[in-house]
Amino acid sequence: MTEFIKVAKMSDLQPGEKMEVDYDEESVALFNIDGSFYAIRNECTHEYSTLVDGELEGDEIICPLHDARFNVKTGQETAPAFEPVETFEVKIDGDDILIAPVDE
């Protein structure tokens, strides 16, 4: 069973912002896109760069190393990356943001 853990408060992350959080010692990038929250593994699948250091354009994060793009809602990649990034389920409890790995 998936365990949700609290990683931030909604008030910590304004629309259009991103931040790094941890889930069980794994780095996760957390995003606020127009008031909705999304979480992906904080590592580019192309060259293993830290995604949260990249630029957020709409619902895509751009890897700061080679400009690979990942949709923060789905994890889907565009070239030069050839693999999607792992996504996390996000749940809101009051002002708390909780995340858990997506069960496959």
PDB file of N, CA and C in Angstrom:
ATOM      1  N   MET A   1       0.833  -1.183   0.000  1.00  0.00           N
ATOM      2  CA  MET A   1       0.000   0.000   0.000  1.00  0.00           C
ATOM      3  C   MET A   1       0.883   1.253   0.000  1.00  0.00           C
ATOM      4  N   THR A   2       0.494   2.222  -0.794  1.00  0.00           N
ATOM      5  CA  THR A   2       1.242   3.458  -0.926  1.00  0.00           C
ATOM      6  C   THR A   2       1.089   4.311   0.326  1.00  0.00           C
ATOM      7  N   GLU A   3       2.204   4.830   0.818  1.00  0.00           N
ATOM      8  CA  GLU A   3       2.169   5.688   1.997  1.00  0.00           C
ATOM      9  C   GLU A   3       2.392   7.139   1.586  1.00  0.00           C
ATOM     10  N   PHE A   4       1.407   7.968   1.882  1.00  0.00           N
ATOM     11  CA  PHE A   4       1.540   9.397   1.637  1.00  0.00           C
ATOM     12  C   PHE A   4       2.293  10.031   2.797  1.00  0.00           C
ATOM     13  N   ILE A   5       3.195  10.966   2.469  1.00  0.00           N
ATOM     14  CA  ILE A   5       3.880  11.712   3.511  1.00  0.00           C
ATOM     15  C   ILE A   5       3.750  13.204   3.215  1.00  0.00           C
ATOM     16  N   LYS A   6       3.720  14.002   4.267  1.00  0.00           N
ATOM     17  CA  LYS A   6       3.646  15.450   4.125  1.00  0.00           C
ATOM     18  C   LYS A   6       5.011  15.969   3.706  1.00  0.00           C
ATOM     19  N   VAL A   7       5.012  16.808   2.643  1.00  0.00           N
ATOM     20  CA  VAL A   7       6.279  17.356   2.155  1.00  0.00           C
ATOM     21  C   VAL A   7       6.316  18.878   2.188  1.00  0.00           C
ATOM     22  N   ALA A   8       5.144  19.521   2.272  1.00  0.00           N
ATOM     23  CA  ALA A   8       5.101  20.990   2.268  1.00  0.00           C
ATOM     24  C   ALA A   8       3.697  21.441   2.629  1.00  0.00           C
ATOM     25  N   LYS A   9       3.549  22.743   2.727  1.00  0.00           N
ATOM     26  CA  LYS A   9       2.241  23.365   2.904  1.00  0.00           C
ATOM     27  C   LYS A   9       1.882  24.082   1.605  1.00  0.00           C
ATOM     28  N   MET A  10       0.606  24.171   1.310  1.00  0.00           N
ATOM     29  CA  MET A  10       0.169  24.866   0.099  1.00  0.00           C
ATOM     30  C   MET A  10       0.687  26.298   0.086  1.00  0.00           C
ATOM     31  N   SER A  11       0.756  26.902   1.258  1.00  0.00           N
ATOM     32  CA  SER A  11       1.213  28.283   1.357  1.00  0.00           C
ATOM     33  C   SER A  11       2.709  28.443   1.067  1.00  0.00           C
ATOM     34  N   ASP A  12       3.460  27.326   1.015  1.00  0.00           N
ATOM     35  CA  ASP A  12       4.895  27.365   0.717  1.00  0.00           C
ATOM     36  C   ASP A  12       5.182  27.560  -0.773  1.00  0.00           C
ATOM     37  N   LEU A  13       4.188  27.309  -1.618  1.00  0.00           N
ATOM     38  CA  LEU A  13       4.436  27.241  -3.056  1.00  0.00           C
ATOM     39  C   LEU A  13       3.322  27.974  -3.811  1.00  0.00           C
ATOM     40  N   GLN A  14       3.652  29.137  -4.330  1.00  0.00           N
ATOM     41  CA  GLN A  14       2.679  29.948  -5.066  1.00  0.00           C
ATOM     42  C   GLN A  14       2.573  29.456  -6.518  1.00  0.00           C
ATOM     43  N   PRO A  15       1.471  29.776  -7.216  1.00  0.00           N
ATOM     44  CA  PRO A  15       1.339  29.363  -8.621  1.00  0.00           C
ATOM     45  C   PRO A  15       2.555  29.784  -9.449  1.00  0.00           C
ATOM     46  N   GLY A  16       3.052  28.839 -10.256  1.00  0.00           N
ATOM     47  CA  GLY A  16       4.226  29.089 -11.094  1.00  0.00           C
ATOM     48  C   GLY A  16       5.544  28.808 -10.401  1.00  0.00           C
ATOM     49  N   GLU A  17       5.493  28.404  -9.128  1.00  0.00           N
ATOM     50  CA  GLU A  17       6.727  28.122  -8.387  1.00  0.00           C
ATOM     51  C   GLU A  17       6.994  26.626  -8.312  1.00  0.00           C
ATOM     52  N   LYS A  18       8.249  26.313  -7.979  1.00  0.00           N
ATOM     53  CA  LYS A  18       8.687  24.929  -7.826  1.00  0.00           C
ATOM     54  C   LYS A  18       9.611  24.840  -6.626  1.00  0.00           C
ATOM     55  N   MET A  19       9.732  23.658  -6.057  1.00  0.00           N
ATOM     56  CA  MET A  19      10.650  23.466  -4.938  1.00  0.00           C
ATOM     57  C   MET A  19      11.047  21.999  -4.857  1.00  0.00           C
ATOM     58  N   GLU A  20      12.191  21.770  -4.229  1.00  0.00           N
ATOM     59  CA  GLU A  20      12.659  20.413  -3.992  1.00  0.00           C
ATOM     60  C   GLU A  20      12.140  19.934  -2.645  1.00  0.00           C
ATOM     61  N   VAL A  21      11.632  18.704  -2.604  1.00  0.00           N
ATOM     62  CA  VAL A  21      11.194  18.064  -1.370  1.00  0.00           C
ATOM     63  C   VAL A  21      11.762  16.645  -1.366  1.00  0.00           C
ATOM     64  N   ASP A  22      11.624  15.951  -0.263  1.00  0.00           N
ATOM     65  CA  ASP A  22      12.120  14.580  -0.168  1.00  0.00           C
ATOM     66  C   ASP A  22      10.991  13.611   0.124  1.00  0.00           C
ATOM     67  N   TYR A  23      11.043  12.460  -0.531  1.00  0.00           N
ATOM     68  CA  TYR A  23      10.162  11.348  -0.211  1.00  0.00           C
ATOM     69  C   TYR A  23      11.059  10.147   0.071  1.00  0.00           C
ATOM     70  N   ASP A  24      11.113   9.732   1.311  1.00  0.00           N
ATOM     71  CA  ASP A  24      11.906   8.559   1.700  1.00  0.00           C
ATOM     72  C   ASP A  24      13.332   8.649   1.147  1.00  0.00           C
ATOM     73  N   GLU A  25      13.981   9.800   1.381  1.00  0.00           N
ATOM     74  CA  GLU A  25      15.355  10.086   0.969  1.00  0.00           C
ATOM     75  C   GLU A  25      15.525  10.208  -0.545  1.00  0.00           C
ATOM     76  N   GLU A  26      14.431  10.320  -1.292  1.00  0.00           N
ATOM     77  CA  GLU A  26      14.493  10.525  -2.743  1.00  0.00           C
ATOM     78  C   GLU A  26      14.119  11.971  -3.044  1.00  0.00           C
ATOM     79  N   SER A  27      14.907  12.626  -3.878  1.00  0.00           N
ATOM     80  CA  SER A  27      14.642  14.010  -4.254  1.00  0.00           C
ATOM     81  C   SER A  27      13.466  14.076  -5.231  1.00  0.00           C
ATOM     82  N   VAL A  28      12.514  14.945  -4.901  1.00  0.00           N
ATOM     83  CA  VAL A  28      11.300  15.107  -5.692  1.00  0.00           C
ATOM     84  C   VAL A  28      11.129  16.590  -5.999  1.00  0.00           C
ATOM     85  N   ALA A  29      10.715  16.902  -7.233  1.00  0.00           N
ATOM     86  CA  ALA A  29      10.407  18.275  -7.622  1.00  0.00           C
ATOM     87  C   ALA A  29       8.897  18.469  -7.494  1.00  0.00           C
ATOM     88  N   LEU A  30       8.510  19.483  -6.737  1.00  0.00           N
ATOM     89  CA  LEU A  30       7.101  19.790  -6.493  1.00  0.00           C
ATOM     90  C   LEU A  30       6.765  21.097  -7.201  1.00  0.00           C
ATOM     91  N   PHE A  31       5.630  21.121  -7.902  1.00  0.00           N
ATOM     92  CA  PHE A  31       5.238  22.265  -8.711  1.00  0.00           C
ATOM     93  C   PHE A  31       3.832  22.719  -8.372  1.00  0.00           C
ATOM     94  N   ASN A  32       3.596  24.027  -8.470  1.00  0.00           N
ATOM     95  CA  ASN A  32       2.250  24.592  -8.378  1.00  0.00           C
ATOM     96  C   ASN A  32       1.938  25.172  -9.755  1.00  0.00           C
ATOM     97  N   ILE A  33       1.036  24.511 -10.474  1.00  0.00           N
ATOM     98  CA  ILE A  33       0.618  24.962 -11.798  1.00  0.00           C
ATOM     99  C   ILE A  33      -0.823  25.453 -11.680  1.00  0.00           C
ATOM    100  N   ASP A  34      -0.996  26.762 -11.686  1.00  0.00           N
ATOM    101  CA  ASP A  34      -2.331  27.379 -11.608  1.00  0.00           C
ATOM    102  C   ASP A  34      -3.139  26.875 -10.413  1.00  0.00           C
ATOM    103  N   GLY A  35      -2.478  26.687  -9.278  1.00  0.00           N
ATOM    104  CA  GLY A  35      -3.173  26.270  -8.062  1.00  0.00           C
ATOM    105  C   GLY A  35      -3.304  24.772  -7.875  1.00  0.00           C
ATOM    106  N   SER A  36      -2.843  23.974  -8.843  1.00  0.00           N
ATOM    107  CA  SER A  36      -2.826  22.514  -8.718  1.00  0.00           C
ATOM    108  C   SER A  36      -1.381  22.079  -8.511  1.00  0.00           C
ATOM    109  N   PHE A  37      -1.189  21.042  -7.719  1.00  0.00           N
ATOM    110  CA  PHE A  37       0.153  20.602  -7.343  1.00  0.00           C
ATOM    111  C   PHE A  37       0.505  19.291  -8.028  1.00  0.00           C
ATOM    112  N   TYR A  38       1.770  19.204  -8.478  1.00  0.00           N
ATOM    113  CA  TYR A  38       2.282  18.031  -9.182  1.00  0.00           C
ATOM    114  C   TYR A  38       3.678  17.725  -8.648  1.00  0.00           C
ATOM    115  N   ALA A  39       4.047  16.450  -8.701  1.00  0.00           N
ATOM    116  CA  ALA A  39       5.362  16.044  -8.208  1.00  0.00           C
ATOM    117  C   ALA A  39       5.963  15.005  -9.153  1.00  0.00           C
ATOM    118  N   ILE A  40       7.252  15.189  -9.457  1.00  0.00           N
ATOM    119  CA  ILE A  40       8.000  14.246 -10.286  1.00  0.00           C
ATOM    120  C   ILE A  40       9.358  14.003  -9.645  1.00  0.00           C
ATOM    121  N   ARG A  41       9.979  12.903 -10.029  1.00  0.00           N
ATOM    122  CA  ARG A  41      11.337  12.640  -9.566  1.00  0.00           C
ATOM    123  C   ARG A  41      12.234  13.769 -10.046  1.00  0.00           C
ATOM    124  N   ASN A  42      13.090  14.249  -9.185  1.00  0.00           N
ATOM    125  CA  ASN A  42      13.899  15.436  -9.457  1.00  0.00           C
ATOM    126  C   ASN A  42      15.210  15.079 -10.162  1.00  0.00           C
ATOM    127  N   GLU A  43      15.100  14.267 -11.209  1.00  0.00           N
ATOM    128  CA  GLU A  43      16.303  13.856 -11.936  1.00  0.00           C
ATOM    129  C   GLU A  43      15.968  13.635 -13.403  1.00  0.00           C
ATOM    130  N   CYS A  44      16.666  14.329 -14.273  1.00  0.00           N
ATOM    131  CA  CYS A  44      16.479  14.173 -15.709  1.00  0.00           C
ATOM    132  C   CYS A  44      16.878  12.755 -16.121  1.00  0.00           C
ATOM    133  N   THR A  45      16.040  12.122 -16.916  1.00  0.00           N
ATOM    134  CA  THR A  45      16.347  10.758 -17.369  1.00  0.00           C
ATOM    135  C   THR A  45      17.362  10.745 -18.515  1.00  0.00           C
ATOM    136  N   HIS A  46      17.726  11.904 -19.012  1.00  0.00           N
ATOM    137  CA  HIS A  46      18.699  11.986 -20.106  1.00  0.00           C
ATOM    138  C   HIS A  46      20.127  12.080 -19.578  1.00  0.00           C
ATOM    139  N   GLU A  47      20.382  13.062 -18.722  1.00  0.00           N
ATOM    140  CA  GLU A  47      21.742  13.260 -18.213  1.00  0.00           C
ATOM    141  C   GLU A  47      21.791  13.410 -16.700  1.00  0.00           C
ATOM    142  N   TYR A  48      20.717  13.035 -16.026  1.00  0.00           N
ATOM    143  CA  TYR A  48      20.679  12.970 -14.561  1.00  0.00           C
ATOM    144  C   TYR A  48      20.925  14.297 -13.863  1.00  0.00           C
ATOM    145  N   SER A  49      20.525  15.382 -14.498  1.00  0.00           N
ATOM    146  CA  SER A  49      20.619  16.704 -13.898  1.00  0.00           C
ATOM    147  C   SER A  49      19.423  16.932 -12.967  1.00  0.00           C
ATOM    148  N   THR A  50      19.558  17.873 -12.059  1.00  0.00           N
ATOM    149  CA  THR A  50      18.491  18.205 -11.111  1.00  0.00           C
ATOM    150  C   THR A  50      17.449  19.074 -11.810  1.00  0.00           C
ATOM    151  N   LEU A  51      16.245  18.546 -11.993  1.00  0.00           N
ATOM    152  CA  LEU A  51      15.217  19.242 -12.763  1.00  0.00           C
ATOM    153  C   LEU A  51      14.711  20.517 -12.107  1.00  0.00           C
ATOM    154  N   VAL A  52      14.621  20.534 -10.787  1.00  0.00           N
ATOM    155  CA  VAL A  52      14.077  21.715 -10.113  1.00  0.00           C
ATOM    156  C   VAL A  52      14.934  22.954 -10.360  1.00  0.00           C
ATOM    157  N   ASP A  53      16.172  22.761 -10.806  1.00  0.00           N
ATOM    158  CA  ASP A  53      17.048  23.882 -11.140  1.00  0.00           C
ATOM    159  C   ASP A  53      16.750  24.454 -12.525  1.00  0.00           C
ATOM    160  N   GLY A  54      15.883  23.781 -13.285  1.00  0.00           N
ATOM    161  CA  GLY A  54      15.539  24.234 -14.621  1.00  0.00           C
ATOM    162  C   GLY A  54      14.431  25.272 -14.607  1.00  0.00           C
ATOM    163  N   GLU A  55      14.102  25.747 -15.798  1.00  0.00           N
ATOM    164  CA  GLU A  55      13.059  26.766 -15.959  1.00  0.00           C
ATOM    165  C   GLU A  55      11.707  26.085 -16.163  1.00  0.00           C
ATOM    166  N   LEU A  56      10.688  26.608 -15.496  1.00  0.00           N
ATOM    167  CA  LEU A  56       9.328  26.112 -15.642  1.00  0.00           C
ATOM    168  C   LEU A  56       8.613  26.964 -16.679  1.00  0.00           C
ATOM    169  N   GLU A  57       8.140  26.321 -17.749  1.00  0.00           N
ATOM    170  CA  GLU A  57       7.376  26.998 -18.796  1.00  0.00           C
ATOM    171  C   GLU A  57       6.029  26.317 -18.913  1.00  0.00           C
ATOM    172  N   GLY A  58       4.982  26.984 -18.450  1.00  0.00           N
ATOM    173  CA  GLY A  58       3.657  26.369 -18.476  1.00  0.00           C
ATOM    174  C   GLY A  58       3.657  25.135 -17.599  1.00  0.00           C
ATOM    175  N   ASP A  59       3.369  23.974 -18.195  1.00  0.00           N
ATOM    176  CA  ASP A  59       3.389  22.726 -17.426  1.00  0.00           C
ATOM    177  C   ASP A  59       4.595  21.856 -17.766  1.00  0.00           C
ATOM    178  N   GLU A  60       5.666  22.483 -18.298  1.00  0.00           N
ATOM    179  CA  GLU A  60       6.889  21.758 -18.606  1.00  0.00           C
ATOM    180  C   GLU A  60       8.069  22.320 -17.825  1.00  0.00           C
ATOM    181  N   ILE A  61       8.905  21.421 -17.321  1.00  0.00           N
ATOM    182  CA  ILE A  61      10.161  21.813 -16.699  1.00  0.00           C
ATOM    183  C   ILE A  61      11.265  21.519 -17.716  1.00  0.00           C
ATOM    184  N   ILE A  62      12.173  22.462 -17.878  1.00  0.00           N
ATOM    185  CA  ILE A  62      13.257  22.327 -18.849  1.00  0.00           C
ATOM    186  C   ILE A  62      14.537  21.986 -18.101  1.00  0.00           C
ATOM    187  N   CYS A  63      15.136  20.865 -18.444  1.00  0.00           N
ATOM    188  CA  CYS A  63      16.379  20.442 -17.811  1.00  0.00           C
ATOM    189  C   CYS A  63      17.448  21.502 -18.047  1.00  0.00           C
ATOM    190  N   PRO A  64      18.149  21.934 -16.994  1.00  0.00           N
ATOM    191  CA  PRO A  64      19.158  22.974 -17.154  1.00  0.00           C
ATOM    192  C   PRO A  64      20.414  22.511 -17.891  1.00  0.00           C
ATOM    193  N   LEU A  65      20.573  21.216 -18.109  1.00  0.00           N
ATOM    194  CA  LEU A  65      21.790  20.709 -18.741  1.00  0.00           C
ATOM    195  C   LEU A  65      21.692  20.665 -20.268  1.00  0.00           C
ATOM    196  N   HIS A  66      20.667  19.989 -20.797  1.00  0.00           N
ATOM    197  CA  HIS A  66      20.561  19.835 -22.247  1.00  0.00           C
ATOM    198  C   HIS A  66      19.181  20.183 -22.793  1.00  0.00           C
ATOM    199  N   ASP A  67      18.394  20.926 -22.033  1.00  0.00           N
ATOM    200  CA  ASP A  67      17.086  21.414 -22.494  1.00  0.00           C
ATOM    201  C   ASP A  67      16.041  20.340 -22.750  1.00  0.00           C
ATOM    202  N   ALA A  68      16.220  19.148 -22.197  1.00  0.00           N
ATOM    203  CA  ALA A  68      15.140  18.164 -22.281  1.00  0.00           C
ATOM    204  C   ALA A  68      13.947  18.728 -21.516  1.00  0.00           C
ATOM    205  N   ARG A  69      12.756  18.429 -22.000  1.00  0.00           N
ATOM    206  CA  ARG A  69      11.546  18.943 -21.362  1.00  0.00           C
ATOM    207  C   ARG A  69      10.717  17.777 -20.829  1.00  0.00           C
ATOM    208  N   PHE A  70      10.108  18.011 -19.668  1.00  0.00           N
ATOM    209  CA  PHE A  70       9.249  17.007 -19.063  1.00  0.00           C
ATOM    210  C   PHE A  70       7.942  17.675 -18.644  1.00  0.00           C
ATOM    211  N   ASN A  71       6.833  17.045 -18.984  1.00  0.00           N
ATOM    212  CA  ASN A  71       5.539  17.532 -18.537  1.00  0.00           C
ATOM    213  C   ASN A  71       5.412  17.188 -17.057  1.00  0.00           C
ATOM    214  N   VAL A  72       5.220  18.191 -16.205  1.00  0.00           N
ATOM    215  CA  VAL A  72       5.189  17.942 -14.760  1.00  0.00           C
ATOM    216  C   VAL A  72       3.910  17.233 -14.336  1.00  0.00           C
ATOM    217  N   LYS A  73       2.884  17.219 -15.196  1.00  0.00           N
ATOM    218  CA  LYS A  73       1.624  16.539 -14.876  1.00  0.00           C
ATOM    219  C   LYS A  73       1.698  15.048 -15.184  1.00  0.00           C
ATOM    220  N   THR A  74       2.425  14.691 -16.256  1.00  0.00           N
ATOM    221  CA  THR A  74       2.434  13.302 -16.727  1.00  0.00           C
ATOM    222  C   THR A  74       3.798  12.635 -16.658  1.00  0.00           C
ATOM    223  N   GLY A  75       4.875  13.429 -16.561  1.00  0.00           N
ATOM    224  CA  GLY A  75       6.231  12.890 -16.605  1.00  0.00           C
ATOM    225  C   GLY A  75       6.742  12.663 -18.006  1.00  0.00           C
ATOM    226  N   GLN A  76       5.891  12.861 -19.025  1.00  0.00           N
ATOM    227  CA  GLN A  76       6.272  12.608 -20.416  1.00  0.00           C
ATOM    228  C   GLN A  76       7.434  13.502 -20.835  1.00  0.00           C
ATOM    229  N   GLU A  77       8.357  12.926 -21.598  1.00  0.00           N
ATOM    230  CA  GLU A  77       9.582  13.610 -22.015  1.00  0.00           C
ATOM    231  C   GLU A  77       9.504  14.060 -23.458  1.00  0.00           C
ATOM    232  N   THR A  78      10.409  14.987 -23.808  1.00  0.00           N
ATOM    233  CA  THR A  78      10.673  15.319 -25.206  1.00  0.00           C
ATOM    234  C   THR A  78      12.183  15.246 -25.412  1.00  0.00           C
ATOM    235  N   ALA A  79      12.616  15.200 -26.660  1.00  0.00           N
ATOM    236  CA  ALA A  79      14.039  15.068 -26.979  1.00  0.00           C
ATOM    237  C   ALA A  79      14.830  16.189 -26.313  1.00  0.00           C
ATOM    238  N   PRO A  80      16.064  15.940 -25.877  1.00  0.00           N
ATOM    239  CA  PRO A  80      16.858  14.750 -26.130  1.00  0.00           C
ATOM    240  C   PRO A  80      16.608  13.591 -25.161  1.00  0.00           C
ATOM    241  N   ALA A  81      15.721  13.738 -24.216  1.00  0.00           N
ATOM    242  CA  ALA A  81      15.408  12.619 -23.314  1.00  0.00           C
ATOM    243  C   ALA A  81      14.543  11.600 -24.063  1.00  0.00           C
ATOM    244  N   PHE A  82      14.692  10.338 -23.720  1.00  0.00           N
ATOM    245  CA  PHE A  82      13.930   9.277 -24.375  1.00  0.00           C
ATOM    246  C   PHE A  82      13.124   8.451 -23.382  1.00  0.00           C
ATOM    247  N   GLU A  83      13.143   8.852 -22.122  1.00  0.00           N
ATOM    248  CA  GLU A  83      12.398   8.146 -21.080  1.00  0.00           C
ATOM    249  C   GLU A  83      11.637   9.148 -20.245  1.00  0.00           C
ATOM    250  N   PRO A  84      10.393   8.835 -19.873  1.00  0.00           N
ATOM    251  CA  PRO A  84       9.662   9.745 -18.993  1.00  0.00           C
ATOM    252  C   PRO A  84      10.264   9.740 -17.597  1.00  0.00           C
ATOM    253  N   VAL A  85       9.925  10.747 -16.824  1.00  0.00           N
ATOM    254  CA  VAL A  85      10.371  10.828 -15.446  1.00  0.00           C
ATOM    255  C   VAL A  85       9.245  10.293 -14.550  1.00  0.00           C
ATOM    256  N   GLU A  86       9.623   9.660 -13.444  1.00  0.00           N
ATOM    257  CA  GLU A  86       8.658   9.086 -12.520  1.00  0.00           C
ATOM    258  C   GLU A  86       7.786  10.181 -11.905  1.00  0.00           C
ATOM    259  N   THR A  87       6.487   9.918 -11.820  1.00  0.00           N
ATOM    260  CA  THR A  87       5.562  10.863 -11.202  1.00  0.00           C
ATOM    261  C   THR A  87       5.160  10.377  -9.812  1.00  0.00           C
ATOM    262  N   PHE A  88       4.686  11.315  -9.008  1.00  0.00           N
ATOM    263  CA  PHE A  88       4.185  11.020  -7.672  1.00  0.00           C
ATOM    264  C   PHE A  88       2.740  11.487  -7.580  1.00  0.00           C
ATOM    265  N   GLU A  89       1.954  10.762  -6.834  1.00  0.00           N
ATOM    266  CA  GLU A  89       0.578  11.167  -6.575  1.00  0.00           C
ATOM    267  C   GLU A  89       0.598  12.266  -5.520  1.00  0.00           C
ATOM    268  N   VAL A  90      -0.232  13.270  -5.695  1.00  0.00           N
ATOM    269  CA  VAL A  90      -0.307  14.390  -4.758  1.00  0.00           C
ATOM    270  C   VAL A  90      -1.698  14.421  -4.143  1.00  0.00           C
ATOM    271  N   LYS A  91      -1.728  14.616  -2.838  1.00  0.00           N
ATOM    272  CA  LYS A  91      -2.991  14.714  -2.118  1.00  0.00           C
ATOM    273  C   LYS A  91      -2.903  15.939  -1.210  1.00  0.00           C
ATOM    274  N   ILE A  92      -4.002  16.676  -1.115  1.00  0.00           N
ATOM    275  CA  ILE A  92      -4.076  17.853  -0.253  1.00  0.00           C
ATOM    276  C   ILE A  92      -4.924  17.512   0.965  1.00  0.00           C
ATOM    277  N   ASP A  93      -4.412  17.852   2.144  1.00  0.00           N
ATOM    278  CA  ASP A  93      -5.130  17.645   3.402  1.00  0.00           C
ATOM    279  C   ASP A  93      -5.081  18.965   4.172  1.00  0.00           C
ATOM    280  N   GLY A  94      -6.152  19.758   4.063  1.00  0.00           N
ATOM    281  CA  GLY A  94      -6.129  21.095   4.651  1.00  0.00           C
ATOM    282  C   GLY A  94      -5.136  21.940   3.879  1.00  0.00           C
ATOM    283  N   ASP A  95      -4.080  22.441   4.561  1.00  0.00           N
ATOM    284  CA  ASP A  95      -3.020  23.216   3.906  1.00  0.00           C
ATOM    285  C   ASP A  95      -1.799  22.345   3.609  1.00  0.00           C
ATOM    286  N   ASP A  96      -1.846  21.076   3.970  1.00  0.00           N
ATOM    287  CA  ASP A  96      -0.707  20.176   3.797  1.00  0.00           C
ATOM    288  C   ASP A  96      -0.703  19.532   2.417  1.00  0.00           C
ATOM    289  N   ILE A  97       0.492  19.436   1.839  1.00  0.00           N
ATOM    290  CA  ILE A  97       0.695  18.717   0.580  1.00  0.00           C
ATOM    291  C   ILE A  97       1.356  17.396   0.925  1.00  0.00           C
ATOM    292  N   LEU A  98       0.728  16.300   0.505  1.00  0.00           N
ATOM    293  CA  LEU A  98       1.253  14.959   0.735  1.00  0.00           C
ATOM    294  C   LEU A  98       1.530  14.311  -0.614  1.00  0.00           C
ATOM    295  N   ILE A  99       2.579  13.511  -0.698  1.00  0.00           N
ATOM    296  CA  ILE A  99       2.899  12.804  -1.940  1.00  0.00           C
ATOM    297  C   ILE A  99       3.188  11.343  -1.658  1.00  0.00           C
ATOM    298  N   ALA A 100       3.045  10.531  -2.722  1.00  0.00           N
ATOM    299  CA  ALA A 100       3.380   9.116  -2.670  1.00  0.00           C
ATOM    300  C   ALA A 100       3.718   8.664  -4.080  1.00  0.00           C
ATOM    301  N   PRO A 101       4.593   7.666  -4.229  1.00  0.00           N
ATOM    302  CA  PRO A 101       4.899   7.148  -5.562  1.00  0.00           C
ATOM    303  C   PRO A 101       3.623   6.604  -6.203  1.00  0.00           C
ATOM    304  N   VAL A 102       3.551   6.710  -7.517  1.00  0.00           N
ATOM    305  CA  VAL A 102       2.411   6.171  -8.246  1.00  0.00           C
ATOM    306  C   VAL A 102       2.588   4.668  -8.334  1.00  0.00           C
ATOM    307  N   ASP A 103       1.569   3.916  -7.897  1.00  0.00           N
ATOM    308  CA  ASP A 103       1.609   2.456  -8.011  1.00  0.00           C
ATOM    309  C   ASP A 103       1.430   2.061  -9.459  1.00  0.00           C
ATOM    310  N   GLU A 104       2.273   1.163  -9.942  1.00  0.00           N
ATOM    311  CA  GLU A 104       2.168   0.732 -11.341  1.00  0.00           C
ATOM    312  C   GLU A 104       1.678  -0.674 -11.422  1.00  0.00           C
TER     313      GLU A 104
END
